[in-house]
């Protein structure tokens, strides 16, 4: 975090609340290298934290009042600790307030006092880079420290997920918060979403002469509504029909048997097939990174995108165009990243071909009449931390 950004959020905090914050904390967005929609199926994922971050300035109060504000605009949202009951909140404030509620539920509300918070985020909203988890995790580490809860990062990830599921109303898994809290430079987080064990896996992109190119299509999505929830519901129905705890426990043979005997219709079969094969691709990607290196994982990224496009049906024409354009310009592999229905695509691109890949994407979007995308490269970065 630059000094100017720290000064900016401190200055705004003083402007809003008339005094300096107790501290400044930040947490990153994430790119999911592979493992989409596997987290709520007790499966595996391989995300990494990125340089774009949400930053919060926080100060404790000596009463029950809670005030949260954003650098974007608008007056602070005011409530109290007692009023945080887990009910849905239909505004951006659901993210920090939801975390405060979730921490209180696990640690005991009597341990909490009111606070003032200002948030600023560089993570693009609706781009599939987990802007929500960045805010949740920055808030979580700040309040955990100031309230003296000593929860541990796995518990903070669960608090962020609970806030998102209950107060925001988005039925997401645990991957985003784990990546934001456990990220490390030049590494991905290999996450077992059942045990919540998180292991750093070295990526070695720079050493291999590779970059991750992100194409933000500006097709916005909302995980609290629509297709994301229906995909999760389909997975839960499939697991119930198979008599297993989650689709992590199913095999392709199990799915075929369920289709053959009528427990699955064709759509449910395809939804479940994506999860089963995606879990296998995550494990194969980790093994390939460790045994061969980053230059060999491209086909797994390509297969992941095909599965999301055809079986899970969460891609959109803009994402497909970005993926094909990056491949045509020399990307080793490319795929949708994030929950789908818009957002971003990533490509694993040799450094010398990044310019050509960017040009190919821009031309493809212009030819199709799509909105001009935003293109950037990202590097695996550190997770949530105190900044001052």
Protein backbone atom coordinates (compact mmCIF):
# COMPACT_ATOMS: atom_id res chain seq x y z
CA UNK A 1 0.00 0.00 0.00
CA UNK A 2 1.43 3.39 -0.94
CA UNK A 3 1.88 6.16 1.58
CA UNK A 4 -0.46 8.35 -0.44
CA UNK A 5 -3.26 5.79 -0.17
CA UNK A 6 -2.70 5.45 3.57
CA UNK A 7 -2.75 9.23 3.89
CA UNK A 8 -5.88 9.44 1.73
CA UNK A 9 -7.96 7.03 3.79
CA UNK A 10 -6.65 8.50 7.06
CA UNK A 11 -7.58 11.98 5.86
CA UNK A 12 -11.07 10.87 4.88
CA UNK A 13 -11.53 9.12 8.20
CA UNK A 14 -10.61 12.31 10.04
CA UNK A 15 -12.94 14.30 7.77
CA UNK A 16 -15.86 11.94 8.43
CA UNK A 17 -15.33 11.25 12.11
CA UNK A 18 -13.17 14.09 13.45
CA UNK A 19 -10.30 11.97 14.72
CA UNK A 20 -7.61 9.55 13.54
CA UNK A 21 -8.27 5.82 13.15
CA UNK A 22 -6.77 3.23 15.47
CA UNK A 23 -5.21 1.54 12.46
CA UNK A 24 -5.37 0.66 8.79
CA UNK A 25 -5.76 -2.85 7.41
CA UNK A 26 -6.06 -4.28 3.91
CA UNK A 27 -7.01 -7.48 2.12
CA UNK A 28 -6.65 -8.45 -1.54
CA UNK A 29 -9.01 -9.61 -4.22
CA UNK A 30 -8.22 -12.92 -5.83
CA UNK A 31 -7.92 -14.71 -9.13
CA UNK A 32 -9.00 -18.32 -9.13
CA UNK A 33 -6.48 -20.17 -11.23
CA UNK A 34 -8.71 -23.25 -11.37
CA UNK A 35 -11.50 -24.86 -9.35
CA UNK A 36 -14.79 -23.05 -10.02
CA UNK A 37 -17.95 -23.76 -7.98
CA UNK A 38 -16.12 -26.59 -6.24
CA UNK A 39 -15.92 -24.86 -2.86
CA UNK A 40 -19.54 -25.29 -1.81
CA UNK A 41 -19.32 -28.90 -3.01
CA UNK A 42 -16.62 -29.69 -0.40
CA UNK A 43 -14.08 -29.85 -3.20
CA UNK A 44 -10.73 -28.31 -4.10
CA UNK A 45 -9.71 -24.89 -5.45
CA UNK A 46 -6.49 -23.12 -6.37
CA UNK A 47 -6.86 -19.33 -6.09
CA UNK A 48 -4.21 -16.70 -5.54
CA UNK A 49 -4.33 -13.23 -4.02
CA UNK A 50 -3.74 -10.24 -6.31
CA UNK A 51 -2.31 -6.76 -5.86
CA UNK A 52 -5.68 -4.95 -5.93
CA UNK A 53 -6.84 -4.51 -2.33
CA UNK A 54 -9.61 -3.24 -0.11
CA UNK A 55 -8.34 -0.95 2.66
CA UNK A 56 -10.16 -0.12 5.88
CA UNK A 57 -9.42 2.51 8.52
CA UNK A 58 -11.07 1.64 11.84
CA UNK A 59 -11.42 3.14 15.30
CA UNK A 60 -13.23 1.64 18.28
CA UNK A 61 -15.87 3.62 20.15
CA UNK A 62 -16.78 3.48 23.82
CA UNK A 63 -20.46 2.91 23.09
CA UNK A 64 -22.63 0.59 20.96
CA UNK A 65 -22.76 2.79 17.85
CA UNK A 66 -21.42 1.58 14.52
CA UNK A 67 -20.68 3.94 11.62
CA UNK A 68 -19.36 2.65 8.28
CA UNK A 69 -18.50 4.78 5.26
CA UNK A 70 -16.85 4.39 1.88
CA UNK A 71 -14.53 6.68 -0.02
CA UNK A 72 -16.77 6.24 -3.07
CA UNK A 73 -19.52 8.62 -1.90
CA UNK A 74 -22.48 9.08 0.42
CA UNK A 75 -23.10 9.54 4.10
CA UNK A 76 -22.00 6.95 6.67
CA UNK A 77 -24.37 4.08 7.44
CA UNK A 78 -25.24 4.11 11.15
CA UNK A 79 -26.44 1.24 13.31
CA UNK A 80 -25.57 -0.42 16.62
CA UNK A 81 -23.97 -3.68 17.68
CA UNK A 82 -27.29 -4.72 19.20
CA UNK A 83 -29.08 -4.12 15.90
CA UNK A 84 -26.80 -6.51 13.99
CA UNK A 85 -29.02 -9.58 14.06
CA UNK A 86 -28.02 -11.33 10.83
CA UNK A 87 -30.91 -9.96 8.81
CA UNK A 88 -30.29 -9.08 5.16
CA UNK A 89 -28.84 -5.64 4.44
CA UNK A 90 -29.43 -4.33 0.94
CA UNK A 91 -26.40 -2.09 0.48
CA UNK A 92 -22.61 -2.20 0.30
CA UNK A 93 -22.60 -1.90 4.10
CA UNK A 94 -23.72 -5.54 4.30
CA UNK A 95 -20.09 -6.62 3.87
CA UNK A 96 -18.47 -4.91 6.88
CA UNK A 97 -21.60 -5.06 9.04
CA UNK A 98 -22.12 -8.72 8.18
CA UNK A 99 -18.60 -9.51 9.33
CA UNK A 100 -19.16 -7.64 12.60
CA UNK A 101 -22.32 -9.67 13.17
CA UNK A 102 -20.60 -12.98 12.31
CA UNK A 103 -17.68 -12.29 14.66
CA UNK A 104 -20.13 -11.45 17.42
CA UNK A 105 -22.01 -14.68 16.84
CA UNK A 106 -18.87 -16.76 17.26
CA UNK A 107 -17.04 -14.75 19.94
CA UNK A 108 -19.96 -13.43 21.98
CA UNK A 109 -21.66 -10.09 21.48
CA UNK A 110 -20.69 -8.95 24.99
CA UNK A 111 -17.05 -8.74 23.84
CA UNK A 112 -17.86 -6.16 21.16
CA UNK A 113 -17.98 -2.37 21.22
CA UNK A 114 -19.05 0.04 18.54
CA UNK A 115 -16.66 1.24 15.86
CA UNK A 116 -16.16 3.66 13.00
CA UNK A 117 -14.89 2.35 9.67
CA UNK A 118 -14.02 3.80 6.27
CA UNK A 119 -13.34 1.49 3.31
CA UNK A 120 -11.64 2.11 0.00
CA UNK A 121 -11.17 -0.63 -2.60
CA UNK A 122 -9.19 -0.97 -5.82
CA UNK A 123 -10.74 -4.38 -6.58
CA UNK A 124 -13.13 -3.98 -9.53
CA UNK A 125 -16.74 -4.65 -8.57
CA UNK A 126 -18.52 -7.42 -10.49
CA UNK A 127 -15.35 -8.51 -12.28
CA UNK A 128 -15.08 -11.97 -10.73
CA UNK A 129 -12.08 -10.89 -8.64
CA UNK A 130 -13.85 -11.10 -5.28
CA UNK A 131 -14.23 -7.46 -4.32
CA UNK A 132 -16.70 -8.52 -1.62
CA UNK A 133 -14.30 -10.92 0.10
CA UNK A 134 -11.59 -8.25 0.07
CA UNK A 135 -13.82 -5.91 2.09
CA UNK A 136 -14.94 -8.71 4.39
CA UNK A 137 -11.41 -9.90 5.12
CA UNK A 138 -9.97 -6.42 5.67
CA UNK A 139 -12.81 -5.75 8.11
CA UNK A 140 -12.36 -9.13 9.78
CA UNK A 141 -8.66 -8.77 10.56
CA UNK A 142 -9.19 -5.20 11.75
CA UNK A 143 -12.04 -5.99 14.13
CA UNK A 144 -10.42 -9.23 15.29
CA UNK A 145 -7.34 -7.28 16.36
CA UNK A 146 -9.14 -4.30 17.86
CA UNK A 147 -11.64 -6.44 19.77
CA UNK A 148 -8.86 -8.79 20.93
CA UNK A 149 -10.65 -11.90 19.65
CA UNK A 150 -7.57 -13.79 18.35
CA UNK A 151 -9.78 -15.87 16.11
CA UNK A 152 -7.21 -17.27 13.69
CA UNK A 153 -7.39 -16.83 9.93
CA UNK A 154 -9.45 -19.92 9.19
CA UNK A 155 -12.11 -18.68 11.61
CA UNK A 156 -12.02 -15.23 10.00
CA UNK A 157 -12.56 -16.81 6.59
CA UNK A 158 -15.63 -18.60 7.96
CA UNK A 159 -16.91 -15.32 9.41
CA UNK A 160 -16.57 -13.67 6.01
CA UNK A 161 -18.40 -16.53 4.33
CA UNK A 162 -21.16 -16.44 6.95
CA UNK A 163 -21.57 -12.70 6.41
CA UNK A 164 -21.84 -13.22 2.66
CA UNK A 165 -24.31 -16.10 2.93
CA UNK A 166 -26.56 -14.60 5.61
CA UNK A 167 -26.37 -10.80 5.59
CA UNK A 168 -25.50 -10.27 1.92
CA UNK A 169 -27.61 -13.25 0.84
CA UNK A 170 -25.10 -14.72 -1.62
CA UNK A 171 -24.75 -18.54 -1.39
CA UNK A 172 -21.00 -18.55 -1.94
CA UNK A 173 -18.39 -20.97 -0.63
CA UNK A 174 -15.25 -20.39 1.42
CA UNK A 175 -12.67 -20.03 -1.38
CA UNK A 176 -12.63 -16.25 -1.79
CA UNK A 177 -12.10 -15.42 1.86
CA UNK A 178 -9.43 -18.10 2.22
CA UNK A 179 -7.48 -16.76 -0.75
CA UNK A 180 -7.70 -13.21 0.59
CA UNK A 181 -6.50 -14.19 4.06
CA UNK A 182 -3.91 -16.86 3.22
CA UNK A 183 -2.41 -15.51 -0.02
CA UNK A 184 1.35 -15.27 -0.46
CA UNK A 185 3.69 -13.83 -3.08
CA UNK A 186 4.38 -16.13 -6.06
CA UNK A 187 2.05 -18.77 -4.64
CA UNK A 188 -1.47 -20.06 -4.98
CA UNK A 189 -3.55 -21.35 -2.08
CA UNK A 190 -4.43 -25.02 -2.50
CA UNK A 191 -7.64 -25.24 -0.54
CA UNK A 192 -9.44 -28.34 0.66
CA UNK A 193 -12.91 -26.90 1.14
CA UNK A 194 -14.03 -29.76 3.39
CA UNK A 195 -11.20 -29.73 5.92
CA UNK A 196 -10.40 -26.02 5.30
CA UNK A 197 -6.72 -26.94 5.10
CA UNK A 198 -4.85 -24.38 3.03
CA UNK A 199 -1.43 -25.09 1.54
CA UNK A 200 0.82 -22.72 -0.41
CA UNK A 201 1.72 -24.01 -3.87
CA UNK A 202 4.51 -22.19 -5.67
CA UNK A 203 3.46 -20.98 -9.11
CA UNK A 204 6.75 -19.79 -10.62
CA UNK A 205 5.09 -17.72 -13.35
CA UNK A 206 7.83 -15.08 -13.51
CA UNK A 207 10.60 -17.67 -13.57
CA UNK A 208 8.82 -19.44 -16.44
CA UNK A 209 8.40 -16.20 -18.40
CA UNK A 210 4.62 -16.16 -17.99
CA UNK A 211 2.03 -13.57 -17.06
CA UNK A 212 -1.60 -13.88 -16.02
CA UNK A 213 -3.61 -11.58 -18.26
CA UNK A 214 -7.01 -10.54 -16.93
CA UNK A 215 -9.80 -9.44 -19.24
CA UNK A 216 -12.56 -7.63 -17.34
CA UNK A 217 -15.52 -7.84 -19.69
CA UNK A 218 -17.60 -5.36 -17.67
CA UNK A 219 -20.51 -7.77 -17.87
CA UNK A 220 -21.60 -7.46 -14.27
CA UNK A 221 -22.91 -10.27 -12.10
CA UNK A 222 -24.61 -10.50 -8.72
CA UNK A 223 -24.11 -13.65 -6.69
CA UNK A 224 -27.05 -12.83 -4.44
CA UNK A 225 -29.48 -13.48 -7.29
CA UNK A 226 -30.06 -15.68 -10.28
CA UNK A 227 -27.79 -18.23 -11.83
CA UNK A 228 -25.25 -18.75 -9.05
CA UNK A 229 -27.95 -19.79 -6.59
CA UNK A 230 -29.57 -22.11 -9.14
CA UNK A 231 -26.24 -23.84 -9.84
CA UNK A 232 -25.65 -24.41 -6.15
CA UNK A 233 -29.16 -25.79 -5.74
CA UNK A 234 -28.61 -28.17 -8.68
CA UNK A 235 -25.42 -29.49 -7.07
CA UNK A 236 -27.20 -30.07 -3.76
CA UNK A 237 -30.02 -31.93 -5.52
CA UNK A 238 -27.49 -34.09 -7.33
CA UNK A 239 -25.69 -34.98 -4.09
CA UNK A 240 -29.01 -35.85 -2.45
CA UNK A 241 -29.97 -38.09 -5.38
CA UNK A 242 -26.63 -39.88 -5.10
CA UNK A 243 -26.87 -40.22 -1.33
CA UNK A 244 -23.51 -38.53 -0.74
CA UNK A 245 -22.53 -35.64 1.52
CA UNK A 246 -21.35 -33.54 -1.42
CA UNK A 247 -20.35 -33.96 -5.06
CA UNK A 248 -16.73 -34.24 -3.96
CA UNK A 249 -17.65 -37.80 -2.96
CA UNK A 250 -19.05 -38.76 -6.39
CA UNK A 251 -17.34 -40.32 -9.41
CA UNK A 252 -18.13 -40.05 -13.09
CA UNK A 253 -19.40 -43.63 -12.91
CA UNK A 254 -21.82 -42.59 -10.16
CA UNK A 255 -23.14 -39.77 -12.31
CA UNK A 256 -23.61 -42.01 -15.32
CA UNK A 257 -25.50 -44.55 -13.24
CA UNK A 258 -27.81 -41.83 -11.91
CA UNK A 259 -28.50 -40.64 -15.44
CA UNK A 260 -29.15 -44.17 -16.66
CA UNK A 261 -31.61 -45.05 -13.89
CA UNK A 262 -33.50 -41.75 -13.99
CA UNK A 263 -32.27 -40.11 -10.78
CA UNK A 264 -30.66 -37.40 -12.93
CA UNK A 265 -32.00 -35.56 -15.92
CA UNK A 266 -29.50 -34.49 -18.57
CA UNK A 267 -29.02 -31.01 -17.11
CA UNK A 268 -28.33 -32.29 -13.59
CA UNK A 269 -25.87 -34.79 -15.03
CA UNK A 270 -23.94 -32.01 -16.77
CA UNK A 271 -23.94 -29.76 -13.72
CA UNK A 272 -22.57 -32.56 -11.55
CA UNK A 273 -20.05 -33.61 -14.21
CA UNK A 274 -18.50 -30.16 -14.12
CA UNK A 275 -17.91 -30.41 -10.37
CA UNK A 276 -16.45 -33.93 -10.48
CA UNK A 277 -14.12 -33.16 -13.38
CA UNK A 278 -13.16 -29.73 -12.03
CA UNK A 279 -12.05 -31.26 -8.74
CA UNK A 280 -9.86 -33.66 -10.70
CA UNK A 281 -8.42 -30.77 -12.72
CA UNK A 282 -7.45 -28.89 -9.55
CA UNK A 283 -5.56 -31.91 -8.24
CA UNK A 284 -3.91 -32.40 -11.63
CA UNK A 285 -2.91 -28.73 -11.76
CA UNK A 286 -1.26 -28.88 -8.34
CA UNK A 287 0.62 -32.04 -9.31
CA UNK A 288 1.68 -30.54 -12.65
CA UNK A 289 2.94 -27.34 -11.04
CA UNK A 290 5.00 -29.33 -8.57
CA UNK A 291 6.30 -31.96 -10.98
CA UNK A 292 6.66 -30.12 -14.30
CA UNK A 293 6.01 -26.41 -13.88
CA UNK A 294 3.65 -23.65 -14.90
CA UNK A 295 4.22 -24.03 -18.65
CA UNK A 296 2.40 -27.39 -18.59
CA UNK A 297 -0.93 -26.36 -17.00
CA UNK A 298 -2.48 -24.66 -20.05
CA UNK A 299 -4.56 -27.64 -21.25
CA UNK A 300 -6.12 -27.96 -17.79
CA UNK A 301 -7.20 -24.31 -17.89
CA UNK A 302 -8.69 -24.84 -21.35
CA UNK A 303 -10.58 -27.94 -20.22
CA UNK A 304 -11.91 -26.05 -17.20
CA UNK A 305 -13.35 -23.33 -19.42
CA UNK A 306 -14.98 -25.83 -21.76
CA UNK A 307 -16.61 -27.50 -18.76
CA UNK A 308 -17.91 -24.20 -17.38
CA UNK A 309 -19.19 -23.18 -20.80
CA UNK A 310 -20.84 -26.44 -21.83
CA UNK A 311 -21.67 -28.38 -18.64
CA UNK A 312 -22.17 -25.71 -15.99
CA UNK A 313 -23.29 -23.06 -18.50
CA UNK A 314 -21.96 -20.04 -16.61
CA UNK A 315 -19.99 -18.36 -19.38
CA UNK A 316 -21.22 -15.51 -21.57
CA UNK A 317 -20.31 -14.54 -25.15
CA UNK A 318 -17.88 -11.84 -24.01
CA UNK A 319 -15.96 -14.30 -21.83
CA UNK A 320 -15.83 -16.88 -24.63
CA UNK A 321 -14.55 -14.23 -27.04
CA UNK A 322 -11.81 -13.21 -24.61
CA UNK A 323 -10.75 -16.81 -24.07
CA UNK A 324 -10.58 -17.58 -27.79
CA UNK A 325 -8.73 -14.34 -28.58
CA UNK A 326 -6.08 -15.00 -25.95
CA UNK A 327 -5.58 -18.54 -27.19
CA UNK A 328 -5.29 -17.38 -30.79
CA UNK A 329 -2.55 -14.96 -29.75
CA UNK A 330 -0.47 -17.62 -28.01
CA UNK A 331 -1.89 -18.05 -24.51
CA UNK A 332 -0.97 -21.46 -23.14
CA UNK A 333 -4.45 -21.73 -21.64
CA UNK A 334 -7.39 -19.48 -20.81
CA UNK A 335 -10.61 -19.68 -18.84
CA UNK A 336 -13.41 -17.88 -17.09
CA UNK A 337 -12.47 -16.99 -13.52
CA UNK A 338 -14.96 -16.40 -10.73
CA UNK A 339 -18.59 -17.37 -10.33
CA UNK A 340 -19.55 -16.72 -13.93
CA UNK A 341 -22.40 -14.96 -15.73
CA UNK A 342 -19.97 -12.16 -16.57
CA UNK A 343 -16.86 -10.91 -14.87
CA UNK A 344 -13.38 -11.75 -16.11
CA UNK A 345 -11.37 -14.24 -18.10
CA UNK A 346 -7.73 -15.09 -17.46
CA UNK A 347 -5.03 -16.22 -19.82
CA UNK A 348 -1.65 -17.78 -19.07
CA UNK A 349 0.48 -15.89 -21.57
CA UNK A 350 4.21 -15.84 -22.36
CA UNK A 351 5.57 -12.41 -21.45
CA UNK A 352 6.61 -11.64 -25.02
CA UNK A 353 3.07 -12.30 -26.28
CA UNK A 354 1.10 -10.23 -23.74
CA UNK A 355 0.84 -7.24 -26.07
CA UNK A 356 -0.38 -9.41 -28.94
CA UNK A 357 -2.94 -11.10 -26.68
CA UNK A 358 -4.27 -7.76 -25.48
CA UNK A 359 -4.56 -6.51 -29.05
CA UNK A 360 -6.36 -9.68 -30.10
CA UNK A 361 -8.92 -9.31 -27.31
CA UNK A 362 -9.60 -5.65 -28.10
CA UNK A 363 -10.08 -6.45 -31.78
CA UNK A 364 -12.38 -9.39 -31.03
CA UNK A 365 -14.58 -7.27 -28.77
CA UNK A 366 -14.76 -4.43 -31.29
CA UNK A 367 -15.66 -6.83 -34.09
CA UNK A 368 -18.47 -8.37 -32.02
CA UNK A 369 -19.82 -5.00 -30.90
CA UNK A 370 -19.05 -5.68 -27.23
CA UNK A 371 -18.19 -3.01 -24.69
CA UNK A 372 -14.45 -2.30 -24.59
CA UNK A 373 -12.81 -4.53 -21.97
CA UNK A 374 -10.25 -3.54 -19.37
CA UNK A 375 -7.03 -5.52 -19.60
CA UNK A 376 -4.34 -5.92 -16.96
CA UNK A 377 -1.77 -8.36 -15.72
CA UNK A 378 -1.60 -9.57 -12.12
CA UNK A 379 0.95 -11.23 -9.91
CA UNK A 380 0.31 -13.54 -6.95
CA UNK A 381 0.48 -11.30 -3.89
CA UNK A 382 0.35 -11.26 -0.10
CA UNK A 383 -2.84 -11.79 1.85
CA UNK A 384 -4.63 -9.64 4.42
CA UNK A 385 -2.43 -7.55 6.70
CA UNK A 386 -2.15 -4.46 8.89
CA UNK A 387 -0.74 -1.55 6.92
CA UNK A 388 0.32 1.05 9.50
